[in-house]
Protein backbone atom coordinates (compact mmCIF):
# COMPACT_ATOMS: atom_id res chain seq x y z
CA UNK A 1 -36.19 -8.75 -5.14
CA UNK A 2 -35.01 -7.91 -8.66
CA UNK A 3 -33.05 -11.15 -8.97
CA UNK A 4 -31.61 -10.58 -12.46
CA UNK A 5 -30.27 -7.12 -11.64
CA UNK A 6 -28.90 -8.35 -8.31
CA UNK A 7 -26.99 -11.19 -9.97
CA UNK A 8 -25.69 -8.96 -12.78
CA UNK A 9 -24.30 -6.45 -10.28
CA UNK A 10 -22.70 -9.24 -8.23
CA UNK A 11 -20.96 -10.66 -11.33
CA UNK A 12 -19.65 -7.27 -12.44
CA UNK A 13 -18.43 -6.49 -8.94
CA UNK A 14 -16.47 -9.75 -8.80
CA UNK A 15 -15.14 -10.09 -12.35
CA UNK A 16 -14.51 -6.44 -13.20
CA UNK A 17 -13.60 -5.32 -9.68
CA UNK A 18 -16.14 -2.50 -9.87
CA UNK A 19 -17.72 -1.12 -6.73
CA UNK A 20 -21.37 -2.12 -6.15
CA UNK A 21 -22.21 1.46 -5.17
CA UNK A 22 -20.74 2.82 -8.40
CA UNK A 23 -22.85 0.41 -10.47
CA UNK A 24 -26.04 1.30 -8.61
CA UNK A 25 -25.38 5.03 -9.04
CA UNK A 26 -24.85 4.47 -12.76
CA UNK A 27 -28.22 2.70 -13.01
CA UNK A 28 -29.93 5.56 -11.19
CA UNK A 29 -28.36 8.13 -13.54
CA UNK A 30 -29.34 6.10 -16.59
CA UNK A 31 -32.98 5.97 -15.48
CA UNK A 32 -33.04 9.74 -14.98
CA UNK A 33 -31.47 10.27 -18.41
CA UNK A 34 -34.07 7.99 -19.99
CA UNK A 35 -36.83 10.10 -18.43
CA UNK A 36 -35.23 13.26 -19.79
CA UNK A 37 -35.28 11.85 -23.32
CA UNK A 38 -38.82 10.52 -22.92
CA UNK A 39 -40.40 13.56 -21.24
CA UNK A 40 -37.99 16.31 -22.35
CA UNK A 41 -37.18 17.27 -18.74
CA UNK A 42 -35.70 15.49 -15.77
CA UNK A 43 -35.34 18.21 -13.10
CA UNK A 44 -38.17 16.71 -11.05
CA UNK A 45 -37.35 13.06 -11.73
CA UNK A 46 -35.99 10.85 -8.96
CA UNK A 47 -34.63 7.31 -9.34
CA UNK A 48 -33.83 5.03 -6.46
CA UNK A 49 -32.32 1.53 -6.35
CA UNK A 50 -32.58 -0.48 -3.15
CA UNK A 51 -29.00 -1.42 -2.15
CA UNK A 52 -30.12 -4.71 -0.61
CA UNK A 53 -32.74 -6.06 -3.02
CA UNK A 54 -31.86 -4.11 -6.21
CA UNK A 55 -35.54 -3.23 -6.66
CA UNK A 56 -35.74 0.16 -8.36
CA UNK A 57 -38.36 2.87 -8.60
CA UNK A 58 -38.67 6.00 -10.74
CA UNK A 59 -41.05 8.82 -9.91
CA UNK A 60 -41.72 12.42 -10.85
CA UNK A 61 -42.24 15.10 -8.22
CA UNK A 62 -45.13 17.34 -9.33
CA UNK A 63 -46.49 20.44 -7.67
CA UNK A 64 -50.25 20.59 -7.03
CA UNK A 65 -51.85 23.63 -8.80
CA UNK A 66 -55.33 24.90 -9.62
CA UNK A 67 -54.63 25.07 -13.34
CA UNK A 68 -51.88 22.98 -14.99
CA UNK A 69 -49.48 24.96 -17.20
CA UNK A 70 -46.76 22.28 -17.51
CA UNK A 71 -47.93 18.68 -17.30
CA UNK A 72 -44.39 17.43 -16.65
CA UNK A 73 -43.88 19.59 -13.55
CA UNK A 74 -47.45 20.19 -12.33
CA UNK A 75 -50.59 18.26 -11.44
CA UNK A 76 -54.13 19.43 -10.88
CA UNK A 77 -55.79 19.27 -7.45
CA UNK A 78 -58.31 16.73 -8.76
CA UNK A 79 -55.65 14.37 -10.10
CA UNK A 80 -53.53 14.75 -6.99
CA UNK A 81 -56.47 13.81 -4.75
CA UNK A 82 -56.93 10.64 -6.78
CA UNK A 83 -53.54 9.60 -5.41
CA UNK A 84 -54.27 10.86 -1.90
CA UNK A 85 -57.30 12.83 -0.82
CA UNK A 86 -55.31 15.02 1.59
CA UNK A 87 -53.31 16.88 -1.10
CA UNK A 88 -53.93 20.58 -1.59
CA UNK A 89 -52.51 23.39 -3.74
CA UNK A 90 -48.76 23.81 -3.23
CA UNK A 91 -48.09 20.25 -2.10
CA UNK A 92 -45.61 18.01 -3.95
CA UNK A 93 -46.88 14.68 -5.23
CA UNK A 94 -44.66 11.74 -6.19
CA UNK A 95 -46.05 10.14 -9.33
CA UNK A 96 -44.59 6.69 -10.18
CA UNK A 97 -43.15 6.27 -13.68
CA UNK A 98 -43.13 2.87 -15.35
CA UNK A 99 -39.82 2.28 -17.09
CA UNK A 100 -41.56 -0.06 -19.55
CA UNK A 101 -43.21 3.01 -21.04
CA UNK A 102 -39.87 4.52 -22.10
CA UNK A 103 -39.30 4.87 -25.82
CA UNK A 104 -36.80 2.61 -27.56
CA UNK A 105 -34.36 5.53 -27.91
CA UNK A 106 -34.63 6.37 -24.22
CA UNK A 107 -34.04 2.76 -23.22
CA UNK A 108 -31.02 2.45 -25.51
CA UNK A 109 -29.55 5.65 -24.13
CA UNK A 110 -29.95 4.35 -20.59
CA UNK A 111 -28.19 1.14 -21.58
CA UNK A 112 -25.34 3.10 -23.19
CA UNK A 113 -24.84 5.14 -20.01
CA UNK A 114 -24.51 1.99 -17.90
CA UNK A 115 -22.18 0.35 -20.43
CA UNK A 116 -19.97 3.45 -20.63
CA UNK A 117 -19.75 3.69 -16.85
CA UNK A 118 -18.78 0.02 -16.60
CA UNK A 119 -16.01 0.55 -19.15
CA UNK A 120 -14.72 3.64 -17.35
CA UNK A 121 -14.68 1.86 -14.00
CA UNK A 122 -13.02 -1.19 -15.51
CA UNK A 123 -10.24 0.98 -16.97
CA UNK A 124 -9.85 2.80 -13.65
CA UNK A 125 -9.75 -0.48 -11.74
CA UNK A 126 -7.12 -1.95 -14.07
CA UNK A 127 -5.00 1.19 -13.86
CA UNK A 128 -5.09 1.12 -10.05
CA UNK A 129 -4.30 -2.59 -10.03
CA UNK A 130 -1.21 -2.34 -12.22
CA UNK A 131 0.02 1.10 -11.14
CA UNK A 132 0.60 -0.34 -7.67
CA UNK A 133 2.79 -3.00 -9.30
CA UNK A 134 5.18 -0.61 -10.99
CA UNK A 135 8.83 -1.63 -10.40
CA UNK A 136 7.77 -5.25 -9.84
CA UNK A 137 8.33 -8.42 -11.82
CA UNK A 138 5.27 -10.21 -13.20
CA UNK A 139 4.74 -13.28 -15.35
CA UNK A 140 3.13 -12.64 -18.71
CA UNK A 141 2.12 -14.65 -21.76
CA UNK A 142 3.49 -13.67 -25.15
CA UNK A 143 0.57 -12.69 -27.38
CA UNK A 144 1.97 -11.54 -30.69
CA UNK A 145 4.62 -9.43 -32.38
CA UNK A 146 3.55 -5.89 -33.31
CA UNK A 147 6.27 -4.93 -35.73
CA UNK A 148 9.38 -5.02 -33.56
CA UNK A 149 7.41 -4.70 -30.31
CA UNK A 150 5.78 -7.58 -28.44
CA UNK A 151 2.34 -7.70 -26.83
CA UNK A 152 2.40 -9.44 -23.43
CA UNK A 153 -0.78 -10.49 -21.64
CA UNK A 154 -0.51 -9.93 -17.88
CA UNK A 155 -3.83 -11.51 -16.98
CA UNK A 156 -6.39 -8.70 -17.06
CA UNK A 157 -4.47 -6.28 -19.28
CA UNK A 158 -1.95 -6.32 -22.10
CA UNK A 159 1.52 -4.79 -21.81
CA UNK A 160 4.00 -3.71 -24.48
CA UNK A 161 7.59 -4.89 -24.60
CA UNK A 162 9.25 -2.27 -26.80
CA UNK A 163 12.21 -3.10 -29.01
CA UNK A 164 14.64 -1.09 -26.87
CA UNK A 165 13.55 -3.03 -23.76
CA UNK A 166 14.15 -6.42 -25.36
CA UNK A 167 17.35 -8.40 -24.89
CA UNK A 168 19.22 -8.62 -28.16
CA UNK A 169 18.93 -12.11 -29.59
CA UNK A 170 15.95 -13.17 -27.43
CA UNK A 171 12.99 -14.53 -29.37
CA UNK A 172 9.66 -15.69 -28.03
CA UNK A 173 6.86 -17.92 -29.24
CA UNK A 174 3.17 -17.06 -28.84
CA UNK A 175 1.71 -18.46 -25.56
CA UNK A 176 5.22 -18.64 -24.04
CA UNK A 177 5.43 -17.53 -20.40
CA UNK A 178 8.12 -14.98 -19.52
CA UNK A 179 8.93 -12.71 -16.60
CA UNK A 180 9.01 -8.97 -17.24
CA UNK A 181 9.70 -5.86 -15.16
CA UNK A 182 6.91 -3.26 -15.13
CA UNK A 183 8.54 0.04 -16.05
CA UNK A 184 5.54 2.36 -16.19
CA UNK A 185 1.75 2.36 -16.12
CA UNK A 186 -0.10 5.26 -17.75
CA UNK A 187 -3.82 6.01 -17.73
CA UNK A 188 -5.30 6.54 -21.20
CA UNK A 189 -8.87 6.81 -22.56
CA UNK A 190 -8.52 3.28 -23.90
CA UNK A 191 -7.30 1.82 -20.63
CA UNK A 192 -3.95 1.51 -18.87
CA UNK A 193 -0.84 1.60 -21.06
CA UNK A 194 1.70 -0.74 -19.48
CA UNK A 195 5.35 -0.71 -20.52
CA UNK A 196 7.55 -3.64 -19.49
CA UNK A 197 11.24 -4.49 -19.79
CA UNK A 198 13.56 -7.50 -20.03
CA UNK A 199 16.75 -5.39 -19.92
CA UNK A 200 16.32 -3.32 -16.73
CA UNK A 201 18.87 -4.10 -13.96
CA UNK A 202 16.05 -4.16 -11.40
CA UNK A 203 14.64 -7.23 -13.16
CA UNK A 204 17.61 -9.16 -11.77
CA UNK A 205 17.12 -7.71 -8.29
CA UNK A 206 13.42 -8.65 -8.22
CA UNK A 207 14.17 -12.16 -9.44
CA UNK A 208 16.61 -12.62 -6.56
CA UNK A 209 14.00 -11.29 -4.13
CA UNK A 210 11.57 -13.93 -5.35
CA UNK A 211 14.13 -16.75 -5.35
CA UNK A 212 16.21 -15.98 -2.24
CA UNK A 213 14.39 -15.84 1.11
CA UNK A 214 17.27 -13.96 2.75
CA UNK A 215 16.99 -11.16 0.18
CA UNK A 216 13.23 -10.97 0.53
CA UNK A 217 13.32 -10.65 4.34
CA UNK A 218 16.18 -8.13 4.28
CA UNK A 219 18.87 -10.33 5.84
CA UNK A 220 20.87 -9.97 2.63
CA UNK A 221 20.83 -6.63 0.80
CA UNK A 222 21.54 -6.06 -2.87
CA UNK A 223 23.77 -2.99 -2.80
CA UNK A 224 24.37 -2.56 -6.52
CA UNK A 225 23.77 -4.06 -9.95
CA UNK A 226 25.55 -3.44 -13.26
CA UNK A 227 24.06 -5.23 -16.22
CA UNK A 228 24.63 -5.75 -19.91
CA UNK A 229 21.40 -7.57 -20.68
CA UNK A 230 21.75 -10.92 -22.36
CA UNK A 231 25.47 -11.15 -21.64
CA UNK A 232 26.56 -10.51 -18.05
CA UNK A 233 25.46 -8.99 -14.75
CA UNK A 234 27.57 -8.05 -11.73
CA UNK A 235 25.78 -7.73 -8.40
CA UNK A 236 27.16 -6.70 -5.00
CA UNK A 237 25.50 -8.08 -1.87
CA UNK A 238 25.85 -7.48 1.86
CA UNK A 239 24.68 -9.53 4.84
CA UNK A 240 23.15 -7.84 7.90
CA UNK A 241 23.67 -11.08 9.84
CA UNK A 242 27.31 -12.14 10.49
CA UNK A 243 26.17 -15.75 10.47
CA UNK A 244 24.77 -15.51 6.94
CA UNK A 245 27.05 -15.59 3.91
CA UNK A 246 25.55 -13.11 1.45
CA UNK A 247 27.11 -14.64 -1.66
CA UNK A 248 26.36 -18.19 -0.56
CA UNK A 249 22.72 -17.34 0.14
CA UNK A 250 22.27 -15.93 -3.37
CA UNK A 251 24.12 -18.81 -5.02
CA UNK A 252 22.26 -21.56 -3.15
CA UNK A 253 23.18 -25.20 -2.73
CA UNK A 254 25.06 -26.35 -5.81
CA UNK A 255 24.14 -23.04 -7.43
CA UNK A 256 20.42 -23.89 -7.45
CA UNK A 257 19.19 -20.37 -6.72
CA UNK A 258 21.39 -18.45 -9.11
CA UNK A 259 20.93 -21.08 -11.82
CA UNK A 260 17.15 -20.65 -11.66
CA UNK A 261 17.61 -16.94 -12.39
CA UNK A 262 20.20 -17.60 -15.10
CA UNK A 263 17.70 -19.92 -16.79
CA UNK A 264 14.99 -17.27 -16.63
CA UNK A 265 17.43 -14.80 -18.24
CA UNK A 266 18.24 -17.29 -21.01
CA UNK A 267 21.82 -18.04 -19.94
CA UNK A 268 22.94 -14.56 -18.92
CA UNK A 269 26.00 -14.88 -16.65
CA UNK A 270 25.72 -13.46 -13.14
CA UNK A 271 28.71 -12.51 -10.97
CA UNK A 272 27.82 -12.14 -7.28
CA UNK A 273 30.36 -10.34 -5.12
CA UNK A 274 30.57 -9.21 -1.50
CA UNK A 275 29.98 -5.50 -0.99
CA UNK A 276 32.46 -3.62 1.19
CA UNK A 277 32.56 -0.06 2.51
CA UNK A 278 36.28 -0.15 1.72
CA UNK A 279 36.24 1.13 -1.85
CA UNK A 280 39.52 -0.56 -2.81
CA UNK A 281 38.34 -3.94 -1.58
CA UNK A 282 35.01 -3.45 -3.34
CA UNK A 283 36.81 -2.70 -6.61
CA UNK A 284 38.98 -5.80 -6.19
CA UNK A 285 35.87 -7.93 -5.64
CA UNK A 286 34.12 -6.32 -8.61
CA UNK A 287 36.94 -7.32 -10.95
CA UNK A 288 36.57 -11.01 -10.10
CA UNK A 289 37.22 -13.61 -11.34
CA UNK A 290 40.51 -11.83 -12.07
CA UNK A 291 43.03 -11.87 -9.23
CA UNK A 292 44.49 -8.55 -8.17
CA UNK A 293 47.86 -7.55 -6.73
CA UNK A 294 46.72 -4.21 -5.34
CA UNK A 295 44.19 -1.40 -5.73
CA UNK A 296 44.94 2.28 -5.21
CA UNK A 297 41.62 4.09 -4.77
CA UNK A 298 41.04 7.84 -4.70
CA UNK A 299 37.67 8.28 -2.99
CA UNK A 300 37.54 12.02 -3.68
CA UNK A 301 38.12 11.75 -7.42
CA UNK A 302 36.31 8.40 -7.73
CA UNK A 303 39.26 6.96 -9.58
CA UNK A 304 41.24 3.78 -8.97
CA UNK A 305 44.44 2.23 -10.26
CA UNK A 306 44.51 -1.56 -10.25
CA UNK A 307 47.57 -3.77 -10.69
CA UNK A 308 47.08 -7.37 -11.75
CA UNK A 309 49.50 -10.20 -12.59
CA UNK A 310 50.54 -10.16 -16.23
CA UNK A 311 48.66 -13.36 -17.00
CA UNK A 312 45.47 -11.95 -15.41
CA UNK A 313 45.32 -8.72 -17.43
CA UNK A 314 43.04 -9.99 -20.20
CA UNK A 315 40.75 -11.65 -17.64
CA UNK A 316 40.53 -8.45 -15.58
CA UNK A 317 39.65 -6.38 -18.65
CA UNK A 318 37.33 -9.01 -20.07
CA UNK A 319 36.09 -9.61 -23.59
CA UNK A 320 35.79 -6.22 -25.32
CA UNK A 321 36.43 -4.63 -21.91
CA UNK A 322 33.22 -5.97 -20.42
CA UNK A 323 34.57 -7.09 -17.03
CA UNK A 324 36.28 -3.76 -16.34
CA UNK A 325 33.29 -1.82 -17.68
CA UNK A 326 30.79 -3.60 -15.44
CA UNK A 327 33.12 -3.29 -12.43
CA UNK A 328 33.33 0.48 -13.03
CA UNK A 329 29.52 0.77 -13.24
CA UNK A 330 29.04 -1.33 -10.13
CA UNK A 331 31.51 0.61 -7.98
CA UNK A 332 31.07 4.07 -9.47
CA UNK A 333 34.84 4.42 -9.93
CA UNK A 334 36.85 5.04 -13.08
CA UNK A 335 39.19 2.05 -13.09
CA UNK A 336 42.62 2.01 -14.74
CA UNK A 337 43.99 -1.54 -14.94
CA UNK A 338 47.70 -2.20 -15.42
CA UNK A 339 49.68 -5.43 -15.58
CA UNK A 340 52.54 -5.93 -13.12
CA UNK A 341 55.05 -5.30 -15.91
CA UNK A 342 53.32 -2.08 -16.99
CA UNK A 343 53.16 -0.89 -13.38
CA UNK A 344 56.85 -1.64 -12.86
CA UNK A 345 57.86 0.18 -16.05
CA UNK A 346 55.81 3.22 -15.07
CA UNK A 347 57.33 3.24 -11.57
CA UNK A 348 53.95 2.68 -9.90
CA UNK A 349 55.11 -0.41 -8.00
CA UNK A 350 58.02 1.46 -6.45
CA UNK A 351 55.76 4.40 -5.68
CA UNK A 352 53.47 2.26 -3.53
CA UNK A 353 56.34 0.29 -2.00
CA UNK A 354 55.48 -3.03 -3.61
CA UNK A 355 57.91 -5.83 -2.77
CA UNK A 356 58.91 -7.48 -6.06
CA UNK A 357 59.89 -10.65 -4.21
CA UNK A 358 56.17 -11.35 -3.78
CA UNK A 359 55.74 -11.97 -7.49
CA UNK A 360 55.53 -15.50 -8.81
CA UNK A 361 52.79 -16.90 -6.53
CA UNK A 362 49.72 -14.77 -6.90
CA UNK A 363 47.60 -16.50 -4.31
CA UNK A 364 49.21 -13.97 -1.95
CA UNK A 365 48.08 -10.42 -2.59
CA UNK A 366 49.68 -7.08 -1.89
CA UNK A 367 48.67 -5.26 1.26
CA UNK A 368 47.91 -1.80 -0.13
CA UNK A 369 44.15 -1.25 -0.20
CA UNK A 370 43.49 2.38 0.51
CA UNK A 371 43.33 2.77 4.30
CA UNK A 372 42.91 -0.90 5.24
CA UNK A 373 45.01 -4.03 5.06
CA UNK A 374 43.73 -6.78 2.83
CA UNK A 375 42.52 -9.99 4.47
CA UNK A 376 44.25 -12.76 2.51
CA UNK A 377 42.19 -15.54 4.09
CA UNK A 378 38.94 -13.84 3.12
CA UNK A 379 39.99 -13.54 -0.52
CA UNK A 380 40.98 -17.21 -0.88
CA UNK A 381 37.66 -18.32 0.58
CA UNK A 382 35.73 -16.06 -1.75
CA UNK A 383 37.49 -17.20 -4.90
CA UNK A 384 36.96 -20.87 -4.04
CA UNK A 385 33.26 -20.10 -3.81
CA UNK A 386 33.22 -18.02 -6.98
CA UNK A 387 35.11 -20.58 -9.06
CA UNK A 388 32.65 -23.30 -8.05
CA UNK A 389 29.76 -21.13 -9.23
CA UNK A 390 31.44 -20.35 -12.53
CA UNK A 391 32.01 -24.04 -13.19
């Protein structure tokens, strides 16, 4: 057994994830190429490597002739019968070739062929490994800053975190571990080119899948995410099991689950709301923590008018309009928010038949929500939960 070659192939197969068969075929091709350089021809050269022992042999197939015209391709009857006395003109004789006799140039060329093949297979293996992980979250180690981009080591390959995929204000130290979302993996002559992101909304979804068992097994579905990276995320969830509270599952006991994700996102706030197939109710939930008097939703035009108590207007709109903006992205509706006073002055309250006597205590909400009545008990329960998370 060729022990050294056997061990070398075993190591490459394990560490580089390169097929044993591919390596052996590369060795066979390199031996044939070395013969071509040494003898000038290789059409009649055969190289074989034993798959079990890694012993290899190289031989030339020569035709037996009366008079030799080409010593590389032909052999005389006399010389052939020295190998085996039964050979005659026209027979093919296999003449062993000793690889030790190869010239230095031939040997180096054979080595280069094997090395090149190993590199090609390593690049292919890495590409296949990471291309199957596109749209997933992985943990990487910060390597260095490359201008405004950051090099992230993912274990067996480096990824690039471009400036436009970085959260504004986030800074990292070399050797720091961070989670990133794999956007794209491209195959290039120098190996896979991996692009990652810290701003993509799906980063939040994948973090919840990893942290929340109910999301991972499909009991709780993430129906939508609207994100302004580094500042705030709104996420709608739905439970396929009536005995499982979707929001509660994502929040966790004392907020443990959501807080773990908030910490990973460096303090980014996360609003988790219940998804509803009633568009008006969904919009009301999306505007939380603001309390709403009523929502008038036009499903055909994808527009909604929302009326809130006067003192809730700024909360509903949010700082620089962020709350309303994220709610609109999450629901897909263009949302027009009016205070109770504005709605009264414009005649909107009278138009929808709002009873002004309800004003004053806003724990009771109006009952106009598109085609369905609003469940007051459900809303109170939700806000108690939400407020505890916010605290």
